[in-house]
Amino acid sequence: MTSAVTVAHDVSESPLSPKFVTEHVLHLPPFLTKSIYPTLLGENVAPRAYHLEGRFGSRTHKIDRGKNGIPILFSQTEMEELGRTSNDLRELLLTEGVEVVEKAFVHNHRSVQTV
């Protein structure tokens, strides 16, 4: 299994095309968002427990009314491999409404560094 060094990576197709940065995002029902985050950190699946600016929390964001997103370090396939040794991750991935997707990186007030 390969692991990502960073959450975001470049997927531009040519030097002339605009660069799009993507990240792996765990989509899950809102009721799981807070309770599963410590498990993601404990399994080294989420990138950090705090912001670079020093504030505690993740870049969790709302996808739609019934779904939140948590940026993670691994793809769906890699998460399934990790789930072979972690009951918590395996159960999470088998939960209805939970999936890993690759999405465009979304900047927000937590991801933009102020100088």
Foldseek 3Di string as FASTA:
>chain_A
DDWAPDQWDWDDDDPPDDTFIKGKKKKDFPVCVVVCVVVCVVLQFAPDQAAPVGHGDFPKAAPDDGIIIGTTTDAQVVLVVSCVVPVSSVVQCPDPRIHIDMDTDDDDPRRDDDD
